[in-house]
Amino acid sequence: MKTIEQEIEKLMVKASEYTLYHQSYTEAIQEMERWVDKRGFQIDPDESFDTIGTGPPKPSSGNDNRLNLLLYKNGKPAGKVVHFQVYNRGHKTLSPYELNMYISPAPKSEYTKDELE
């Protein structure tokens, strides 16, 4: 059985795989894109534009944006989704935006049967 300390250490290692704090909302989104790319996945630029570019405005102090994007590998659906959250911590002098993210299997309803074959 894992101890709480082991679980915390596991989360800290996971978190260190990418930069948590950013000076701007755009910088946080770019870090998410780099992290996804480092794992060998791609994001559809049109879906990214629709979800991020024309989606909710950057979060105000004390609020967050939680978004999901389908992932692709070699131009084909990978059957995975990146879930990411950008939280505005409200700091003026420190990096105000905190990025958290993970990849999970996509619900089957997100892709058509033909896309997954």
Protein backbone atom coordinates (compact mmCIF):
# COMPACT_ATOMS: atom_id res chain seq x y z
CA MET A 1 0.00 0.00 0.00
CA LYS A 2 1.33 3.43 -0.95
CA THR A 3 1.83 6.06 1.69
CA ILE A 4 0.59 9.62 1.37
CA GLU A 5 4.19 10.75 0.96
CA GLN A 6 4.64 8.38 -1.99
CA GLU A 7 1.46 9.69 -3.62
CA ILE A 8 2.59 13.30 -3.13
CA GLU A 9 6.00 12.49 -4.61
CA LYS A 10 4.33 10.82 -7.61
CA LEU A 11 2.21 13.94 -8.19
CA MET A 12 5.25 16.22 -7.85
CA VAL A 13 7.17 14.19 -10.45
CA LYS A 14 4.15 14.31 -12.77
CA ALA A 15 3.84 18.06 -12.30
CA SER A 16 7.50 18.61 -13.07
CA GLU A 17 7.01 17.17 -16.56
CA TYR A 18 5.85 20.61 -17.62
CA THR A 19 6.03 24.20 -16.39
CA LEU A 20 3.20 24.91 -13.95
CA TYR A 21 3.29 28.71 -13.69
CA HIS A 22 3.14 31.16 -16.60
CA GLN A 23 3.15 34.91 -17.16
CA SER A 24 0.27 34.79 -19.65
CA TYR A 25 -2.69 32.64 -20.65
CA THR A 26 -1.16 32.22 -24.11
CA GLU A 27 2.12 30.99 -22.61
CA ALA A 28 0.19 28.34 -20.63
CA ILE A 29 -1.63 27.16 -23.78
CA GLN A 30 1.68 26.96 -25.68
CA GLU A 31 3.14 24.85 -22.87
CA MET A 32 0.18 22.45 -23.14
CA GLU A 33 0.79 22.16 -26.89
CA ARG A 34 4.53 21.46 -26.35
CA TRP A 35 3.75 18.84 -23.70
CA VAL A 36 1.27 17.06 -26.00
CA ASP A 37 3.81 17.16 -28.86
CA LYS A 38 6.56 15.69 -26.63
CA ARG A 39 4.28 12.70 -26.08
CA GLY A 40 3.97 12.13 -29.82
CA PHE A 41 0.44 13.47 -30.24
CA GLN A 42 -0.96 16.30 -32.33
CA ILE A 43 -3.90 18.64 -31.87
CA ASP A 44 -6.18 19.55 -34.76
CA PRO A 45 -5.55 23.28 -35.38
CA ASP A 46 -9.20 23.90 -36.32
CA GLU A 47 -10.46 22.22 -33.14
CA SER A 48 -7.88 24.14 -31.11
CA PHE A 49 -9.03 27.42 -32.65
CA ASP A 50 -12.69 26.58 -32.00
CA THR A 51 -12.10 25.44 -28.42
CA ILE A 52 -9.42 27.88 -27.27
CA GLY A 53 -9.38 30.78 -29.73
CA THR A 54 -13.11 31.36 -29.89
CA GLY A 55 -13.94 29.67 -26.58
CA PRO A 56 -14.09 31.29 -23.17
CA PRO A 57 -11.99 34.41 -22.52
CA LYS A 58 -8.89 34.06 -20.40
CA PRO A 59 -9.90 33.46 -16.78
CA SER A 60 -10.21 36.43 -14.44
CA SER A 61 -8.51 36.45 -11.04
CA GLY A 62 -9.57 33.45 -8.96
CA ASN A 63 -11.21 31.62 -11.88
CA ASP A 64 -10.17 28.92 -14.33
CA ASN A 65 -10.83 27.56 -17.80
CA ARG A 66 -11.18 23.80 -18.12
CA LEU A 67 -10.93 22.55 -21.68
CA ASN A 68 -10.49 19.25 -23.56
CA LEU A 69 -9.04 18.53 -26.98
CA LEU A 70 -9.00 15.30 -28.98
CA LEU A 71 -5.52 14.00 -29.77
CA TYR A 72 -4.19 12.64 -33.04
CA LYS A 73 -1.19 10.52 -33.95
CA ASN A 74 0.17 10.65 -37.50
CA GLY A 75 -2.97 12.48 -38.61
CA LYS A 76 -5.34 9.80 -37.28
CA PRO A 77 -7.43 9.87 -34.10
CA ALA A 78 -5.41 8.50 -31.19
CA GLY A 79 -8.45 7.69 -29.06
CA LYS A 80 -7.18 10.05 -26.34
CA VAL A 81 -8.06 13.47 -24.98
CA VAL A 82 -5.91 16.09 -23.28
CA HIS A 83 -7.72 17.71 -20.35
CA PHE A 84 -6.23 21.00 -19.23
CA GLN A 85 -7.03 23.71 -16.75
CA VAL A 86 -5.59 27.21 -16.64
CA TYR A 87 -6.19 28.94 -13.30
CA ASN A 88 -5.62 32.66 -12.76
CA ARG A 89 -4.04 32.90 -9.30
CA GLY A 90 -4.45 36.67 -9.33
CA HIS A 91 -0.79 37.49 -8.61
CA LYS A 92 0.46 40.67 -10.26
CA THR A 93 4.18 40.13 -9.66
CA LEU A 94 4.36 36.32 -9.66
CA SER A 95 3.39 34.20 -12.64
CA PRO A 96 -0.39 34.46 -12.39
CA TYR A 97 -1.45 31.49 -14.54
CA GLU A 98 -1.25 27.90 -13.29
CA LEU A 99 -1.50 25.04 -15.80
CA ASN A 100 -2.65 21.55 -14.91
CA MET A 101 -3.26 18.78 -17.45
CA TYR A 102 -3.45 15.08 -18.14
CA ILE A 103 -4.24 12.69 -20.99
CA SER A 104 -7.00 10.08 -20.78
CA PRO A 105 -8.78 7.72 -23.15
CA ALA A 106 -11.41 9.48 -25.27
CA PRO A 107 -15.04 8.49 -24.83
CA LYS A 108 -16.04 6.34 -27.81
CA SER A 109 -18.71 8.89 -28.68
CA GLU A 110 -16.00 11.46 -29.47
CA TYR A 111 -14.88 9.57 -32.59
CA THR A 112 -16.85 7.85 -35.29
CA LYS A 113 -16.31 4.13 -35.78
CA ASP A 114 -14.55 4.76 -39.12
CA GLU A 115 -12.07 7.16 -37.51
CA LEU A 116 -10.95 4.63 -34.91
CA GLU A 117 -10.32 1.81 -37.40
